[in-house]
Amino acid sequence: MKPKPCPFCGKEPIVKPFDPEIEGTAWGAVECIYGRCPANPMVFDGAKIADDRGPNKYKQAAIRRWNRRSTL
């Protein structure tokens, strides 16, 4: 699963954590780090409980939330 481009600037976002052994395995996030982005949004996985699912499950949850776009 791959994140869509940033809805504000169109640049490719990054998916975190980069190194789960150092940063932990119970979270995931997608963030636009383009310096000229007017919003620099960041979306977390939204999990209510941290468990042993591993970093890929949390990253996938964050990407699903990031990819959800309004139809207005």
Protein backbone atom coordinates (compact mmCIF):
# COMPACT_ATOMS: atom_id res chain seq x y z
CA MET A 1 0.00 0.00 0.00
CA LYS A 2 1.38 3.41 -0.99
CA PRO A 3 0.26 6.85 0.25
CA LYS A 4 -1.29 9.29 -2.18
CA PRO A 5 0.47 12.62 -2.77
CA CYS A 6 -0.11 15.42 -0.27
CA PRO A 7 -3.55 17.00 -0.88
CA PHE A 8 -2.12 20.49 -0.32
CA CYS A 9 1.10 20.52 -2.35
CA GLY A 10 1.04 17.29 -4.38
CA LYS A 11 4.43 16.04 -3.15
CA GLU A 12 5.20 12.50 -1.99
CA PRO A 13 4.76 12.07 1.80
CA ILE A 14 6.93 9.96 4.09
CA VAL A 15 5.79 6.99 6.16
CA LYS A 16 7.04 6.60 9.72
CA PRO A 17 8.65 4.99 11.70
CA PHE A 18 11.83 4.76 9.64
CA ASP A 19 13.61 2.46 12.10
CA PRO A 20 11.11 0.57 14.30
CA GLU A 21 13.86 -0.88 16.50
CA ILE A 22 14.85 2.63 17.61
CA GLU A 23 11.52 4.50 17.29
CA GLY A 24 9.21 1.73 18.50
CA THR A 25 6.81 -0.62 16.73
CA ALA A 26 3.40 0.40 18.09
CA TRP A 27 2.66 3.39 15.87
CA GLY A 28 2.57 4.57 12.29
CA ALA A 29 2.24 7.95 10.59
CA VAL A 30 2.24 9.62 7.19
CA GLU A 31 3.62 13.15 6.91
CA CYS A 32 4.28 15.73 4.21
CA ILE A 33 7.73 17.16 4.82
CA TYR A 34 7.98 19.38 1.73
CA GLY A 35 9.33 22.70 2.98
CA ARG A 36 6.98 24.81 0.85
CA CYS A 37 3.80 22.88 1.64
CA PRO A 38 1.23 25.35 3.01
CA ALA A 39 -0.10 22.82 5.55
CA ASN A 40 2.53 20.09 6.23
CA PRO A 41 -0.17 17.62 7.34
CA MET A 42 0.55 14.56 9.44
CA VAL A 43 -1.81 11.63 10.01
CA PHE A 44 -1.33 8.95 12.68
CA ASP A 45 -2.65 5.39 12.56
CA GLY A 46 -5.60 6.14 14.87
CA ALA A 47 -5.17 2.93 16.88
CA LYS A 48 -6.67 3.13 20.35
CA ILE A 49 -4.50 0.33 21.75
CA ALA A 50 -0.80 -0.30 21.13
CA ASP A 51 -0.06 -4.01 20.86
CA ASP A 52 2.32 -6.40 19.10
CA ARG A 53 0.88 -6.15 15.59
CA GLY A 54 4.18 -4.74 14.36
CA PRO A 55 5.08 -1.51 12.58
CA ASN A 56 3.76 -2.54 9.17
CA LYS A 57 0.18 -2.89 10.45
CA TYR A 58 0.33 0.58 12.00
CA LYS A 59 1.90 2.06 8.86
CA GLN A 60 -0.86 0.50 6.73
CA ALA A 61 -3.52 1.97 9.04
CA ALA A 62 -1.91 5.42 8.77
CA ILE A 63 -1.73 5.15 4.98
CA ARG A 64 -5.43 4.17 4.79
CA ARG A 65 -6.33 7.26 6.86
CA TRP A 66 -4.04 9.48 4.75
CA ASN A 67 -5.52 8.18 1.48
CA ARG A 68 -9.09 8.91 2.57
CA ARG A 69 -10.15 12.09 0.75
CA SER A 70 -13.28 14.18 1.02
CA THR A 71 -15.76 13.99 -1.85
CA LEU A 72 -17.22 17.46 -1.28
